[in-house]
């Protein structure tokens, strides 16, 4: 083999390495960007919950355990800075707390009929839809990254440069799927 052939092979390998490395970087950046979208929507939810709690408290002051658990769950979810699994665990606790709060609200027909309550509930439902959309986008990017990290030959480059699989962000279905029924008998 001549020198031009060896140089050609080395240039080809170098270009191949760069293209695959840059592809991994791009997908990792997409994962990070899509996580940012989830984080934005979760913060939006965190901001809505205290308003909803205050409104329900006005009608159901004796439900202190529900309010305390939800406040604690919200605080843990807001403070969560771990990986997607720990964030999902904190989000599950928050979802349960919101469900309990809405169950309390069901006991108060005048609260369910309150325009402010319905507005907050609609806003929370819209936020839940946005969280689900952001979660699907994030999980699609995680799937793409994990596929590249595990597939040959990019798995060789991934292992050399420290690219690792990411966890999917999996939580229960949206807290609210429908607005409270305020029909009167």
C-alpha atoms as a PDB file:
ATOM      1  CA  UNK A   1       0.000   0.000   0.000  1.00  0.00           C
ATOM      2  CA  UNK A   2       1.197   3.412  -0.826  1.00  0.00           C
ATOM      3  CA  UNK A   3       1.277   6.482   1.339  1.00  0.00           C
ATOM      4  CA  UNK A   4      -1.748   8.072  -0.410  1.00  0.00           C
ATOM      5  CA  UNK A   5      -3.902   5.031   0.375  1.00  0.00           C
ATOM      6  CA  UNK A   6      -2.881   5.039   4.042  1.00  0.00           C
ATOM      7  CA  UNK A   7      -3.508   8.792   4.272  1.00  0.00           C
ATOM      8  CA  UNK A   8      -6.886   8.313   2.569  1.00  0.00           C
ATOM      9  CA  UNK A   9      -7.882   5.643   5.082  1.00  0.00           C
ATOM     10  CA  UNK A  10      -6.762   7.826   8.006  1.00  0.00           C
ATOM     11  CA  UNK A  11      -8.687  10.836   6.664  1.00  0.00           C
ATOM     12  CA  UNK A  12     -11.758   8.661   6.150  1.00  0.00           C
ATOM     13  CA  UNK A  13     -11.531   7.318   9.723  1.00  0.00           C
ATOM     14  CA  UNK A  14     -11.030  10.817  11.123  1.00  0.00           C
ATOM     15  CA  UNK A  15     -14.049  12.181   9.211  1.00  0.00           C
ATOM     16  CA  UNK A  16     -16.125   9.173  10.273  1.00  0.00           C
ATOM     17  CA  UNK A  17     -15.113   9.728  13.908  1.00  0.00           C
ATOM     18  CA  UNK A  18     -15.977  13.437  13.751  1.00  0.00           C
ATOM     19  CA  UNK A  19     -19.354  12.874  12.110  1.00  0.00           C
ATOM     20  CA  UNK A  20     -20.390  10.233  14.639  1.00  0.00           C
ATOM     21  CA  UNK A  21     -19.052  12.210  17.610  1.00  0.00           C
ATOM     22  CA  UNK A  22     -20.889  15.341  16.469  1.00  0.00           C
ATOM     23  CA  UNK A  23     -24.064  13.303  16.022  1.00  0.00           C
ATOM     24  CA  UNK A  24     -23.820  12.098  19.612  1.00  0.00           C
ATOM     25  CA  UNK A  25     -23.204  15.651  20.841  1.00  0.00           C
ATOM     26  CA  UNK A  26     -26.232  16.896  18.897  1.00  0.00           C
ATOM     27  CA  UNK A  27     -28.556  14.268  20.345  1.00  0.00           C
ATOM     28  CA  UNK A  28     -27.240  14.858  23.883  1.00  0.00           C
ATOM     29  CA  UNK A  29     -27.920  18.587  23.445  1.00  0.00           C
ATOM     30  CA  UNK A  30     -31.442  17.815  22.265  1.00  0.00           C
ATOM     31  CA  UNK A  31     -31.998  15.727  25.404  1.00  0.00           C
ATOM     32  CA  UNK A  32     -30.794  18.593  27.589  1.00  0.00           C
ATOM     33  CA  UNK A  33     -32.922  21.114  25.710  1.00  0.00           C
ATOM     34  CA  UNK A  34     -36.022  18.963  25.957  1.00  0.00           C
ATOM     35  CA  UNK A  35     -35.437  18.465  29.695  1.00  0.00           C
ATOM     36  CA  UNK A  36     -35.415  22.240  29.981  1.00  0.00           C
ATOM     37  CA  UNK A  37     -38.872  22.276  28.388  1.00  0.00           C
ATOM     38  CA  UNK A  38     -40.156  19.825  30.994  1.00  0.00           C
ATOM     39  CA  UNK A  39     -38.579  21.865  33.777  1.00  0.00           C
ATOM     40  CA  UNK A  40     -40.304  25.037  32.550  1.00  0.00           C
ATOM     41  CA  UNK A  41     -43.718  23.380  32.544  1.00  0.00           C
ATOM     42  CA  UNK A  42     -43.162  21.775  35.949  1.00  0.00           C
ATOM     43  CA  UNK A  43     -42.344  25.194  37.398  1.00  0.00           C
ATOM     44  CA  UNK A  44     -45.539  26.519  35.875  1.00  0.00           C
ATOM     45  CA  UNK A  45     -47.437  23.747  37.681  1.00  0.00           C
ATOM     46  CA  UNK A  46     -45.613  24.502  40.925  1.00  0.00           C
ATOM     47  CA  UNK A  47     -46.745  28.123  40.673  1.00  0.00           C
ATOM     48  CA  UNK A  48     -50.401  27.185  40.122  1.00  0.00           C
ATOM     49  CA  UNK A  49     -50.710  24.753  43.022  1.00  0.00           C
ATOM     50  CA  UNK A  50     -50.459  27.303  45.894  1.00  0.00           C
ATOM     51  CA  UNK A  51     -53.258  29.381  44.336  1.00  0.00           C
ATOM     52  CA  UNK A  52     -55.448  26.312  44.031  1.00  0.00           C
ATOM     53  CA  UNK A  53     -54.634  25.307  47.623  1.00  0.00           C
ATOM     54  CA  UNK A  54     -55.522  28.735  48.991  1.00  0.00           C
ATOM     55  CA  UNK A  55     -58.837  28.701  47.223  1.00  0.00           C
ATOM     56  CA  UNK A  56     -59.719  25.231  48.516  1.00  0.00           C
ATOM     57  CA  UNK A  57     -58.497  26.166  52.029  1.00  0.00           C
ATOM     58  CA  UNK A  58     -61.100  28.878  52.156  1.00  0.00           C
ATOM     59  CA  UNK A  59     -63.815  26.257  51.808  1.00  0.00           C
ATOM     60  CA  UNK A  60     -62.208  23.293  53.570  1.00  0.00           C
ATOM     61  CA  UNK A  61     -60.108  24.631  56.427  1.00  0.00           C
ATOM     62  CA  UNK A  62     -60.405  21.354  58.363  1.00  0.00           C
ATOM     63  CA  UNK A  63     -58.480  19.403  55.687  1.00  0.00           C
ATOM     64  CA  UNK A  64     -55.053  20.355  57.066  1.00  0.00           C
ATOM     65  CA  UNK A  65     -53.459  16.931  56.421  1.00  0.00           C
ATOM     66  CA  UNK A  66     -54.161  17.194  52.693  1.00  0.00           C
ATOM     67  CA  UNK A  67     -52.745  20.727  52.555  1.00  0.00           C
ATOM     68  CA  UNK A  68     -49.654  19.774  54.557  1.00  0.00           C
ATOM     69  CA  UNK A  69     -48.905  16.727  52.363  1.00  0.00           C
ATOM     70  CA  UNK A  70     -49.383  18.708  49.172  1.00  0.00           C
ATOM     71  CA  UNK A  71     -47.203  21.560  50.433  1.00  0.00           C
ATOM     72  CA  UNK A  72     -44.466  19.069  51.346  1.00  0.00           C
ATOM     73  CA  UNK A  73     -44.760  17.232  48.008  1.00  0.00           C
ATOM     74  CA  UNK A  74     -44.591  20.522  46.100  1.00  0.00           C
ATOM     75  CA  UNK A  75     -41.520  21.622  48.070  1.00  0.00           C
ATOM     76  CA  UNK A  76     -39.756  18.321  47.339  1.00  0.00           C
ATOM     77  CA  UNK A  77     -40.630  18.497  43.637  1.00  0.00           C
ATOM     78  CA  UNK A  78     -39.443  22.103  43.359  1.00  0.00           C
ATOM     79  CA  UNK A  79     -36.167  21.258  45.130  1.00  0.00           C
ATOM     80  CA  UNK A  80     -35.546  18.086  43.118  1.00  0.00           C
ATOM     81  CA  UNK A  81     -32.371  18.449  41.109  1.00  0.00           C
ATOM     82  CA  UNK A  82     -31.470  14.811  40.688  1.00  0.00           C
ATOM     83  CA  UNK A  83     -31.782  12.571  37.707  1.00  0.00           C
ATOM     84  CA  UNK A  84     -35.016  11.889  35.885  1.00  0.00           C
ATOM     85  CA  UNK A  85     -35.881   8.933  38.147  1.00  0.00           C
ATOM     86  CA  UNK A  86     -35.728  11.014  41.326  1.00  0.00           C
ATOM     87  CA  UNK A  87     -37.648  13.848  39.652  1.00  0.00           C
ATOM     88  CA  UNK A  88     -40.313  11.367  38.528  1.00  0.00           C
ATOM     89  CA  UNK A  89     -40.613  10.042  42.102  1.00  0.00           C
ATOM     90  CA  UNK A  90     -41.154  13.556  43.441  1.00  0.00           C
ATOM     91  CA  UNK A  91     -43.638  14.294  40.662  1.00  0.00           C
ATOM     92  CA  UNK A  92     -45.662  11.170  41.507  1.00  0.00           C
ATOM     93  CA  UNK A  93     -46.007  12.393  45.107  1.00  0.00           C
ATOM     94  CA  UNK A  94     -47.084  15.816  43.857  1.00  0.00           C
ATOM     95  CA  UNK A  95     -49.631  14.310  41.457  1.00  0.00           C
ATOM     96  CA  UNK A  96     -51.104  12.281  44.324  1.00  0.00           C
ATOM     97  CA  UNK A  97     -51.324  15.414  46.479  1.00  0.00           C
ATOM     98  CA  UNK A  98     -53.121  17.357  43.750  1.00  0.00           C
ATOM     99  CA  UNK A  99     -55.535  14.462  43.270  1.00  0.00           C
ATOM    100  CA  UNK A 100     -56.299  14.499  47.000  1.00  0.00           C
ATOM    101  CA  UNK A 101     -56.830  18.262  46.899  1.00  0.00           C
ATOM    102  CA  UNK A 102     -59.251  17.930  44.000  1.00  0.00           C
ATOM    103  CA  UNK A 103     -61.063  15.138  45.854  1.00  0.00           C
ATOM    104  CA  UNK A 104     -61.538  17.535  48.781  1.00  0.00           C
ATOM    105  CA  UNK A 105     -62.870  20.157  46.369  1.00  0.00           C
ATOM    106  CA  UNK A 106     -65.460  17.661  45.127  1.00  0.00           C
ATOM    107  CA  UNK A 107     -67.115  17.835  48.559  1.00  0.00           C
ATOM    108  CA  UNK A 108     -67.872  21.534  48.182  1.00  0.00           C
ATOM    109  CA  UNK A 109     -70.365  22.284  45.393  1.00  0.00           C
ATOM    110  CA  UNK A 110     -70.025  26.041  45.806  1.00  0.00           C
ATOM    111  CA  UNK A 111     -66.248  25.711  45.359  1.00  0.00           C
ATOM    112  CA  UNK A 112     -66.661  23.546  42.258  1.00  0.00           C
ATOM    113  CA  UNK A 113     -68.957  26.202  40.832  1.00  0.00           C
ATOM    114  CA  UNK A 114     -66.528  29.027  41.607  1.00  0.00           C
ATOM    115  CA  UNK A 115     -65.282  30.733  38.458  1.00  0.00           C
ATOM    116  CA  UNK A 116     -61.846  31.246  40.027  1.00  0.00           C
ATOM    117  CA  UNK A 117     -61.599  27.543  40.900  1.00  0.00           C
ATOM    118  CA  UNK A 118     -62.638  26.526  37.396  1.00  0.00           C
ATOM    119  CA  UNK A 119     -60.097  28.940  35.879  1.00  0.00           C
ATOM    120  CA  UNK A 120     -57.325  27.509  38.056  1.00  0.00           C
ATOM    121  CA  UNK A 121     -58.379  23.976  37.258  1.00  0.00           C
ATOM    122  CA  UNK A 122     -58.427  24.718  33.528  1.00  0.00           C
ATOM    123  CA  UNK A 123     -54.992  26.324  33.773  1.00  0.00           C
ATOM    124  CA  UNK A 124     -53.691  23.269  35.630  1.00  0.00           C
ATOM    125  CA  UNK A 125     -55.206  20.969  32.988  1.00  0.00           C
ATOM    126  CA  UNK A 126     -53.533  23.000  30.221  1.00  0.00           C
ATOM    127  CA  UNK A 127     -50.244  22.847  32.087  1.00  0.00           C
ATOM    128  CA  UNK A 128     -50.585  19.065  32.466  1.00  0.00           C
ATOM    129  CA  UNK A 129     -51.098  18.791  28.701  1.00  0.00           C
ATOM    130  CA  UNK A 130     -47.972  20.865  28.116  1.00  0.00           C
ATOM    131  CA  UNK A 131     -45.984  18.729  30.556  1.00  0.00           C
ATOM    132  CA  UNK A 132     -47.087  15.596  28.706  1.00  0.00           C
ATOM    133  CA  UNK A 133     -46.057  17.074  25.350  1.00  0.00           C
ATOM    134  CA  UNK A 134     -42.672  18.131  26.749  1.00  0.00           C
ATOM    135  CA  UNK A 135     -42.229  14.683  28.313  1.00  0.00           C
ATOM    136  CA  UNK A 136     -42.933  12.966  24.988  1.00  0.00           C
ATOM    137  CA  UNK A 137     -40.407  15.237  23.245  1.00  0.00           C
ATOM    138  CA  UNK A 138     -37.797  14.544  25.944  1.00  0.00           C
ATOM    139  CA  UNK A 139     -38.373  10.788  25.839  1.00  0.00           C
ATOM    140  CA  UNK A 140     -38.080  10.769  22.036  1.00  0.00           C
ATOM    141  CA  UNK A 141     -34.713  12.499  22.307  1.00  0.00           C
ATOM    142  CA  UNK A 142     -33.621  10.096  25.055  1.00  0.00           C
ATOM    143  CA  UNK A 143     -34.635   7.190  22.809  1.00  0.00           C
ATOM    144  CA  UNK A 144     -32.506   8.605  19.973  1.00  0.00           C
ATOM    145  CA  UNK A 145     -29.504   9.124  22.255  1.00  0.00           C
ATOM    146  CA  UNK A 146     -29.814   5.676  23.818  1.00  0.00           C
ATOM    147  CA  UNK A 147     -30.095   4.090  20.375  1.00  0.00           C
ATOM    148  CA  UNK A 148     -26.891   5.759  19.250  1.00  0.00           C
ATOM    149  CA  UNK A 149     -25.085   4.949  22.508  1.00  0.00           C
ATOM    150  CA  UNK A 150     -26.009   1.274  22.136  1.00  0.00           C
ATOM    151  CA  UNK A 151     -25.713   0.845  18.343  1.00  0.00           C
ATOM    152  CA  UNK A 152     -22.568  -0.230  16.577  1.00  0.00           C
ATOM    153  CA  UNK A 153     -20.379   1.557  15.530  1.00  0.00           C
ATOM    154  CA  UNK A 154     -21.403   4.718  17.405  1.00  0.00           C
ATOM    155  CA  UNK A 155     -21.313   2.776  20.676  1.00  0.00           C
ATOM    156  CA  UNK A 156     -17.522   2.587  20.276  1.00  0.00           C
ATOM    157  CA  UNK A 157     -17.263   6.355  20.011  1.00  0.00           C
ATOM    158  CA  UNK A 158     -19.786   6.799  22.828  1.00  0.00           C
ATOM    159  CA  UNK A 159     -17.749   4.633  25.177  1.00  0.00           C
ATOM    160  CA  UNK A 160     -14.473   6.342  24.254  1.00  0.00           C
ATOM    161  CA  UNK A 161     -15.894   9.821  24.873  1.00  0.00           C
ATOM    162  CA  UNK A 162     -18.076   8.978  27.883  1.00  0.00           C
ATOM    163  CA  UNK A 163     -21.542   9.269  26.374  1.00  0.00           C
ATOM    164  CA  UNK A 164     -24.032   7.379  28.521  1.00  0.00           C
ATOM    165  CA  UNK A 165     -27.624   6.283  28.247  1.00  0.00           C
ATOM    166  CA  UNK A 166     -30.232   8.585  29.786  1.00  0.00           C
ATOM    167  CA  UNK A 167     -33.326   7.588  31.744  1.00  0.00           C
ATOM    168  CA  UNK A 168     -36.776   8.194  30.370  1.00  0.00           C
ATOM    169  CA  UNK A 169     -38.980  10.596  32.331  1.00  0.00           C
ATOM    170  CA  UNK A 170     -41.961   8.488  33.287  1.00  0.00           C
ATOM    171  CA  UNK A 171     -44.692   9.674  35.611  1.00  0.00           C
ATOM    172  CA  UNK A 172     -48.325   8.824  35.956  1.00  0.00           C
ATOM    173  CA  UNK A 173     -50.854  10.156  33.527  1.00  0.00           C
ATOM    174  CA  UNK A 174     -51.902  13.760  33.818  1.00  0.00           C
ATOM    175  CA  UNK A 175     -53.459  14.785  37.113  1.00  0.00           C
ATOM    176  CA  UNK A 176     -56.499  16.298  35.510  1.00  0.00           C
ATOM    177  CA  UNK A 177     -58.070  15.079  32.314  1.00  0.00           C
ATOM    178  CA  UNK A 178     -61.416  16.782  32.594  1.00  0.00           C
ATOM    179  CA  UNK A 179     -62.942  19.811  34.202  1.00  0.00           C
ATOM    180  CA  UNK A 180     -65.066  19.247  37.289  1.00  0.00           C
ATOM    181  CA  UNK A 181     -68.691  18.546  36.442  1.00  0.00           C
ATOM    182  CA  UNK A 182     -70.761  21.399  37.846  1.00  0.00           C
ATOM    183  CA  UNK A 183     -74.151  20.220  36.671  1.00  0.00           C
ATOM    184  CA  UNK A 184     -76.947  20.844  39.125  1.00  0.00           C
ATOM    185  CA  UNK A 185     -79.678  18.335  39.919  1.00  0.00           C
END
